[in-house]
Amino acid sequence: MMIRTAAELGLLLRSRRRELGMDQRTLADRIGVSRLWVIEFERGKARAEIGLVLRALLALDLQLDVAPERSAAAPGRSEPPDIDAIVQNARRRR
C-alpha cells in the first residue's frame, strides 16, 4: 500500500491496531507515548516525530518500504536506503 499523507498513515495504523485487537492505551504504552498522541496520530496529525512513528510501526508489526522510483537516492546509489539497518543501528546506540 502506498502511503502519501499523514492521514493515510494514521488510518493504516488504526486499522492494524484494531485488527490486532489492541486498544489505544496498550499501543501508547508500547510506543512510550500518551493515549492522546495515538489519537492524534490516528487522525492524521502531520507533525509526529519520525522516531515515534517508527516505534508505532514496530509495535504493530508493520514494515516501512521505500519505493526506489520515489526515493531520493544519493548520487551514485542505485538501491533505496535500508530502513531496517538504520533502525537497528539506532537501537544499538542507546
Protein backbone atom coordinates (compact mmCIF):
# COMPACT_ATOMS: atom_id res chain seq x y z
CA MET A 1 0.00 0.00 0.00
CA MET A 2 1.34 3.39 -0.96
CA ILE A 3 1.01 5.92 1.86
CA ARG A 4 1.05 9.53 0.66
CA THR A 5 -0.25 11.55 3.61
CA ALA A 6 -0.20 11.59 7.40
CA ALA A 7 -3.95 10.92 7.35
CA GLU A 8 -3.45 7.75 5.28
CA LEU A 9 -0.72 6.55 7.65
CA GLY A 10 -2.97 7.25 10.63
CA LEU A 11 -5.79 5.24 9.09
CA LEU A 12 -3.43 2.34 8.37
CA LEU A 13 -2.17 2.29 11.95
CA ARG A 14 -5.71 2.47 13.36
CA SER A 15 -6.82 -0.36 11.11
CA ARG A 16 -3.85 -2.55 12.07
CA ARG A 17 -4.26 -1.79 15.78
CA ARG A 18 -7.90 -2.85 15.63
CA GLU A 19 -7.02 -5.93 13.57
CA LEU A 20 -4.66 -6.96 16.38
CA GLY A 21 -7.39 -6.32 18.98
CA MET A 22 -5.26 -3.68 20.66
CA ASP A 23 -6.70 -0.60 22.35
CA GLN A 24 -5.13 2.85 22.11
CA ARG A 25 -3.78 2.71 25.68
CA THR A 26 -1.92 -0.54 25.01
CA LEU A 27 -0.39 0.83 21.82
CA ALA A 28 0.57 4.05 23.61
CA ASP A 29 2.30 2.05 26.35
CA ARG A 30 4.24 0.00 23.79
CA ILE A 31 5.39 3.13 21.96
CA GLY A 32 6.10 5.11 25.12
CA VAL A 33 3.64 7.92 24.43
CA SER A 34 0.31 9.15 25.76
CA ARG A 35 -3.02 7.86 24.55
CA LEU A 36 -3.66 11.38 23.22
CA TRP A 37 -0.62 11.02 20.93
CA VAL A 38 -2.12 7.83 19.47
CA ILE A 39 -5.50 9.52 18.99
CA GLU A 40 -3.94 12.49 17.21
CA PHE A 41 -1.71 10.30 15.08
CA GLU A 42 -4.60 8.10 14.00
CA ARG A 43 -6.46 11.27 13.00
CA GLY A 44 -3.58 12.26 10.71
CA LYS A 45 -1.55 14.68 12.80
CA ALA A 46 1.20 15.66 10.39
CA ARG A 47 3.91 16.61 12.87
CA ALA A 48 4.66 13.34 14.63
CA GLU A 49 8.35 12.64 15.28
CA ILE A 50 9.77 10.00 12.93
CA GLY A 51 11.22 8.01 15.83
CA LEU A 52 7.79 7.65 17.40
CA VAL A 53 6.27 6.73 14.05
CA LEU A 54 8.88 4.00 13.62
CA ARG A 55 8.14 2.71 17.14
CA ALA A 56 4.43 2.61 16.28
CA LEU A 57 5.15 0.63 13.11
CA LEU A 58 7.28 -1.80 15.11
CA ALA A 59 4.62 -2.21 17.82
CA LEU A 60 2.06 -3.07 15.13
CA ASP A 61 4.41 -5.38 13.23
CA LEU A 62 4.31 -3.19 10.11
CA GLN A 63 7.24 -2.62 7.79
CA LEU A 64 8.29 0.57 6.07
CA ASP A 65 9.37 0.16 2.47
CA VAL A 66 10.87 2.94 0.39
CA ALA A 67 9.98 2.54 -3.27
CA PRO A 68 13.14 3.01 -5.40
CA GLU A 69 11.35 5.00 -8.07
CA ARG A 70 10.12 7.52 -5.47
CA SER A 71 13.17 7.72 -3.22
CA ALA A 72 15.71 10.49 -3.41
CA ALA A 73 18.73 8.19 -3.52
CA ALA A 74 22.16 9.68 -3.06
CA PRO A 75 24.11 10.29 -6.28
CA GLY A 76 25.69 7.08 -7.48
CA ARG A 77 23.45 4.97 -5.26
CA SER A 78 21.14 2.61 -7.10
CA GLU A 79 19.39 0.98 -4.11
CA PRO A 80 16.93 2.55 -1.66
CA PRO A 81 18.09 3.05 1.93
CA ASP A 82 17.84 0.04 4.24
CA ILE A 83 15.42 1.34 6.88
CA ASP A 84 15.75 -1.83 8.97
CA ALA A 85 19.54 -1.36 9.20
CA ILE A 86 19.10 2.30 10.18
CA VAL A 87 16.67 1.38 12.96
CA GLN A 88 18.91 -1.46 14.21
CA ASN A 89 21.92 0.88 14.33
CA ALA A 90 19.91 3.45 16.27
CA ARG A 91 18.87 0.79 18.80
CA ARG A 92 22.46 -0.27 19.34
CA ARG A 93 23.48 3.31 20.19
CA ARG A 94 21.01 3.54 23.09
